[in-house]
C-alpha cells in the first residue's frame, strides 16, 4: 500500500485565522474567475469576425462562470449559508 497518499488533517484541526485566510484565498480565486468571464466575453465580441475564436472565448467564459458558481455552491454547503457566498 505504498501507493496510498498520506492522510491530510481535516481543516477543523487548524485555527480560525488559518481558515479565514483559506476562505479569503478561495474567494479571491472565485473573484478572479468572474473577472475572467468579463475578459473572455469582451474578447469574444472583439473577435466577432472570426467565429471559431469567438466561440472558444465564449466557451472559456462559460467555463469560468461555472467554476465560480461551483465555488459559491461549495461555500454555501460548507457554511450552511445558501445564497451567501459573498465576503463579509
C-alpha atoms as a PDB file:
ATOM      1  CA  UNK A   1       0.000   0.000   0.000  1.00  0.00           C
ATOM      2  CA  UNK A   2       2.892   2.360  -0.639  1.00  0.00           C
ATOM      3  CA  UNK A   3       0.779   3.961  -3.395  1.00  0.00           C
ATOM      4  CA  UNK A   4      -1.723   5.307  -0.874  1.00  0.00           C
ATOM      5  CA  UNK A   5      -1.336   9.074  -0.368  1.00  0.00           C
ATOM      6  CA  UNK A   6      -0.740  10.270   3.190  1.00  0.00           C
ATOM      7  CA  UNK A   7      -3.809  11.380   5.072  1.00  0.00           C
ATOM      8  CA  UNK A   8      -4.360  15.076   5.472  1.00  0.00           C
ATOM      9  CA  UNK A   9      -5.647  16.513   8.723  1.00  0.00           C
ATOM     10  CA  UNK A  10      -9.117  17.998   8.280  1.00  0.00           C
ATOM     11  CA  UNK A  11      -9.389  21.763   8.194  1.00  0.00           C
ATOM     12  CA  UNK A  12     -11.229  21.674  11.512  1.00  0.00           C
ATOM     13  CA  UNK A  13      -7.926  20.940  13.258  1.00  0.00           C
ATOM     14  CA  UNK A  14      -6.430  24.311  12.266  1.00  0.00           C
ATOM     15  CA  UNK A  15      -7.039  27.667  13.898  1.00  0.00           C
ATOM     16  CA  UNK A  16      -9.752  30.067  12.841  1.00  0.00           C
ATOM     17  CA  UNK A  17      -7.187  32.519  11.465  1.00  0.00           C
ATOM     18  CA  UNK A  18      -5.904  29.884   9.036  1.00  0.00           C
ATOM     19  CA  UNK A  19      -9.468  29.042   7.999  1.00  0.00           C
ATOM     20  CA  UNK A  20     -10.200  32.720   7.313  1.00  0.00           C
ATOM     21  CA  UNK A  21      -7.062  33.008   5.168  1.00  0.00           C
ATOM     22  CA  UNK A  22      -8.056  29.862   3.303  1.00  0.00           C
ATOM     23  CA  UNK A  23     -11.582  31.181   2.715  1.00  0.00           C
ATOM     24  CA  UNK A  24     -10.171  34.515   1.517  1.00  0.00           C
ATOM     25  CA  UNK A  25      -7.902  32.695  -0.943  1.00  0.00           C
ATOM     26  CA  UNK A  26     -10.842  30.667  -2.281  1.00  0.00           C
ATOM     27  CA  UNK A  27     -12.975  33.805  -2.636  1.00  0.00           C
ATOM     28  CA  UNK A  28     -10.109  35.608  -4.379  1.00  0.00           C
ATOM     29  CA  UNK A  29      -9.914  32.737  -6.866  1.00  0.00           C
ATOM     30  CA  UNK A  30     -13.665  32.931  -7.404  1.00  0.00           C
ATOM     31  CA  UNK A  31     -13.471  36.683  -7.994  1.00  0.00           C
ATOM     32  CA  UNK A  32     -10.628  36.110 -10.450  1.00  0.00           C
ATOM     33  CA  UNK A  33     -12.792  33.624 -12.335  1.00  0.00           C
ATOM     34  CA  UNK A  34     -15.570  36.201 -12.545  1.00  0.00           C
ATOM     35  CA  UNK A  35     -13.081  38.765 -13.873  1.00  0.00           C
ATOM     36  CA  UNK A  36     -12.017  36.232 -16.498  1.00  0.00           C
ATOM     37  CA  UNK A  37     -15.655  35.825 -17.557  1.00  0.00           C
ATOM     38  CA  UNK A  38     -15.837  39.533 -18.361  1.00  0.00           C
ATOM     39  CA  UNK A  39     -12.498  39.426 -20.165  1.00  0.00           C
ATOM     40  CA  UNK A  40     -13.460  36.491 -22.382  1.00  0.00           C
ATOM     41  CA  UNK A  41     -16.879  37.954 -23.203  1.00  0.00           C
ATOM     42  CA  UNK A  42     -15.200  41.198 -24.288  1.00  0.00           C
ATOM     43  CA  UNK A  43     -12.660  39.235 -26.290  1.00  0.00           C
ATOM     44  CA  UNK A  44     -15.423  37.228 -27.991  1.00  0.00           C
ATOM     45  CA  UNK A  45     -17.120  40.477 -29.008  1.00  0.00           C
ATOM     46  CA  UNK A  46     -13.845  41.780 -30.424  1.00  0.00           C
ATOM     47  CA  UNK A  47     -13.331  38.569 -32.401  1.00  0.00           C
ATOM     48  CA  UNK A  48     -16.806  38.515 -33.940  1.00  0.00           C
ATOM     49  CA  UNK A  49     -15.263  38.369 -37.422  1.00  0.00           C
ATOM     50  CA  UNK A  50     -13.575  35.049 -36.532  1.00  0.00           C
ATOM     51  CA  UNK A  51     -16.383  32.722 -35.412  1.00  0.00           C
ATOM     52  CA  UNK A  52     -14.092  29.931 -34.203  1.00  0.00           C
ATOM     53  CA  UNK A  53     -12.013  32.142 -31.915  1.00  0.00           C
ATOM     54  CA  UNK A  54     -15.126  33.942 -30.709  1.00  0.00           C
ATOM     55  CA  UNK A  55     -16.738  30.590 -29.870  1.00  0.00           C
ATOM     56  CA  UNK A  56     -13.630  29.496 -27.976  1.00  0.00           C
ATOM     57  CA  UNK A  57     -13.726  32.705 -25.947  1.00  0.00           C
ATOM     58  CA  UNK A  58     -17.414  32.219 -25.162  1.00  0.00           C
ATOM     59  CA  UNK A  59     -16.644  28.655 -24.075  1.00  0.00           C
ATOM     60  CA  UNK A  60     -13.907  29.902 -21.756  1.00  0.00           C
ATOM     61  CA  UNK A  61     -16.319  32.461 -20.289  1.00  0.00           C
ATOM     62  CA  UNK A  62     -18.887  29.730 -19.670  1.00  0.00           C
ATOM     63  CA  UNK A  63     -16.282  27.506 -18.002  1.00  0.00           C
ATOM     64  CA  UNK A  64     -15.070  30.264 -15.683  1.00  0.00           C
ATOM     65  CA  UNK A  65     -18.662  31.182 -14.774  1.00  0.00           C
ATOM     66  CA  UNK A  66     -19.406  27.540 -13.955  1.00  0.00           C
ATOM     67  CA  UNK A  67     -16.260  27.290 -11.816  1.00  0.00           C
ATOM     68  CA  UNK A  68     -17.206  30.434  -9.887  1.00  0.00           C
ATOM     69  CA  UNK A  69     -20.705  29.043  -9.364  1.00  0.00           C
ATOM     70  CA  UNK A  70     -19.311  25.743  -8.103  1.00  0.00           C
ATOM     71  CA  UNK A  71     -17.178  27.609  -5.564  1.00  0.00           C
ATOM     72  CA  UNK A  72     -20.258  29.535  -4.407  1.00  0.00           C
ATOM     73  CA  UNK A  73     -22.223  26.290  -4.073  1.00  0.00           C
ATOM     74  CA  UNK A  74     -19.424  24.579  -2.146  1.00  0.00           C
ATOM     75  CA  UNK A  75     -19.102  27.512   0.233  1.00  0.00           C
ATOM     76  CA  UNK A  76     -22.854  27.599   0.754  1.00  0.00           C
ATOM     77  CA  UNK A  77     -22.926  23.900   1.573  1.00  0.00           C
ATOM     78  CA  UNK A  78     -19.862  24.061   3.821  1.00  0.00           C
ATOM     79  CA  UNK A  79     -21.118  27.038   5.807  1.00  0.00           C
ATOM     80  CA  UNK A  80     -24.846  26.315   5.700  1.00  0.00           C
ATOM     81  CA  UNK A  81     -25.454  29.756   4.183  1.00  0.00           C
ATOM     82  CA  UNK A  82     -27.334  29.225   0.944  1.00  0.00           C
ATOM     83  CA  UNK A  83     -27.004  32.206  -1.349  1.00  0.00           C
ATOM     84  CA  UNK A  84     -24.486  33.997   0.859  1.00  0.00           C
ATOM     85  CA  UNK A  85     -21.175  33.162  -0.860  1.00  0.00           C
ATOM     86  CA  UNK A  86     -20.081  36.792  -0.559  1.00  0.00           C
ATOM     87  CA  UNK A  87     -17.262  38.056   1.622  1.00  0.00           C
ATOM     88  CA  UNK A  88     -18.474  39.861   4.754  1.00  0.00           C
END
